Amino acid sequence: MKLTQPRVKNPELTLRIPGPDRKRNVAAYTYRVNYRAPDPRATGCVTTWDVGGGRLPYQVALERTEAGLLRWHCSCADAVYRGERLQHYHCKHVAGLLDCLPAMD
């Protein structure tokens, strides 16, 4: 099937998720795809997003392990510290993305 529309080079997605303040007021976060693997079923990095809108810019990445499992990574402090202790923990940046993406295998 031939695409009739040109592919967007760096698609963006804006999500409203809890913000960086102590009251966790909802804020707009922008996700911009900056890498997509040519073969999403191959082992390694599947895709990465740059995330803006909080105190600092972050990067979210999706990795496919050699066993074929998908692992999410985020550069935010919450993911780094809690992700080390809790195996299936996802920070708000990953959780927001998971809420709007189709199921992946």
Protein backbone atom coordinates (compact mmCIF):
# COMPACT_ATOMS: atom_id res chain seq x y z
CA MET A 1 0.00 0.00 0.00
CA LYS A 2 1.43 3.35 -1.01
CA LEU A 3 1.18 6.27 1.39
CA THR A 4 -0.75 9.19 -0.04
CA GLN A 5 0.37 11.61 2.65
CA PRO A 6 4.03 12.43 3.30
CA ARG A 7 5.35 11.11 6.59
CA VAL A 8 5.76 13.69 9.32
CA LYS A 9 9.46 13.99 10.08
CA ASN A 10 9.17 14.60 13.84
CA PRO A 11 5.57 14.11 14.93
CA GLU A 12 4.49 15.82 18.14
CA LEU A 13 1.94 14.88 20.74
CA THR A 14 0.69 17.13 23.54
CA LEU A 15 -0.66 15.49 26.68
CA ARG A 16 -2.13 16.94 29.84
CA ILE A 17 -0.57 15.16 32.80
CA PRO A 18 0.17 16.15 36.43
CA GLY A 19 2.62 19.03 36.44
CA PRO A 20 5.89 19.58 38.25
CA ASP A 21 4.50 21.66 41.14
CA ARG A 22 3.71 20.21 44.57
CA LYS A 23 -0.04 20.44 43.95
CA ARG A 24 0.45 18.42 40.74
CA ASN A 25 -1.78 20.78 38.77
CA VAL A 26 -2.38 19.43 35.29
CA ALA A 27 0.08 20.82 32.72
CA ALA A 28 0.70 20.37 29.01
CA TYR A 29 3.69 18.20 28.10
CA THR A 30 4.91 17.92 24.52
CA TYR A 31 6.33 14.64 23.23
CA ARG A 32 8.38 14.78 20.04
CA VAL A 33 9.54 11.60 18.31
CA ASN A 34 13.24 11.91 17.53
CA TYR A 35 14.10 8.32 16.58
CA ARG A 36 12.23 5.33 15.20
CA ALA A 37 13.98 2.07 14.44
CA PRO A 38 13.71 0.90 10.82
CA ASP A 39 12.65 -2.52 12.16
CA PRO A 40 10.56 -2.11 15.34
CA ARG A 41 10.73 -5.86 16.02
CA ALA A 42 14.54 -5.88 16.18
CA THR A 43 16.41 -6.00 19.50
CA GLY A 44 17.50 -2.60 20.85
CA CYS A 45 16.04 0.86 20.79
CA VAL A 46 12.59 0.94 19.17
CA THR A 47 11.84 4.65 19.50
CA THR A 48 12.70 7.73 21.56
CA TRP A 49 10.75 10.85 22.45
CA ASP A 50 11.92 14.24 23.72
CA VAL A 51 9.56 15.47 26.45
CA GLY A 52 9.13 19.15 27.28
CA GLY A 53 6.78 21.10 29.52
CA GLY A 54 8.03 20.32 33.01
CA ARG A 55 10.89 21.76 35.01
CA LEU A 56 13.47 20.10 32.76
CA PRO A 57 13.45 18.42 29.36
CA TYR A 58 13.45 14.61 29.51
CA GLN A 59 13.85 11.72 27.12
CA VAL A 60 11.64 8.63 27.02
CA ALA A 61 12.85 5.51 25.22
CA LEU A 62 11.30 2.17 24.34
CA GLU A 63 13.68 -0.79 24.18
CA ARG A 64 13.11 -4.33 22.91
CA THR A 65 15.14 -6.88 24.88
CA GLU A 66 16.72 -10.00 23.41
CA ALA A 67 13.81 -11.96 24.91
CA GLY A 68 11.44 -9.77 22.85
CA LEU A 69 10.03 -7.89 25.84
CA LEU A 70 9.47 -4.13 25.74
CA ARG A 71 11.11 -1.94 28.41
CA TRP A 72 10.41 1.73 28.99
CA HIS A 73 13.07 4.19 30.14
CA CYS A 74 12.80 7.85 31.16
CA SER A 75 15.55 10.23 32.16
CA CYS A 76 13.47 11.90 34.90
CA ALA A 77 14.52 11.47 38.53
CA ASP A 78 11.29 9.67 39.43
CA ALA A 79 11.95 6.91 36.87
CA VAL A 80 15.61 6.64 37.80
CA TYR A 81 15.07 6.26 41.57
CA ARG A 82 11.77 4.38 41.71
CA GLY A 83 12.40 2.34 38.58
CA GLU A 84 15.49 0.81 40.17
CA ARG A 85 13.44 -0.51 43.11
CA LEU A 86 10.05 -1.27 41.53
CA GLN A 87 10.21 -3.57 38.52
CA HIS A 88 7.04 -2.49 36.67
CA TYR A 89 7.00 1.16 37.77
CA HIS A 90 6.36 3.85 35.12
CA CYS A 91 6.84 7.56 35.76
CA LYS A 92 4.14 10.03 34.70
CA HIS A 93 5.92 10.73 31.40
CA VAL A 94 5.80 7.06 30.36
CA ALA A 95 2.33 6.48 31.86
CA GLY A 96 0.92 9.42 29.86
CA LEU A 97 2.41 8.04 26.67
CA LEU A 98 1.12 4.53 27.39
CA ASP A 99 -2.41 5.90 27.88
CA CYS A 100 -2.58 7.24 24.34
CA LEU A 101 -0.56 4.67 22.35
CA PRO A 102 -2.08 1.50 20.91
CA ALA A 103 -1.15 -1.77 22.62
CA MET A 104 2.28 -2.98 21.56
CA ASP A 105 3.80 -6.43 21.55
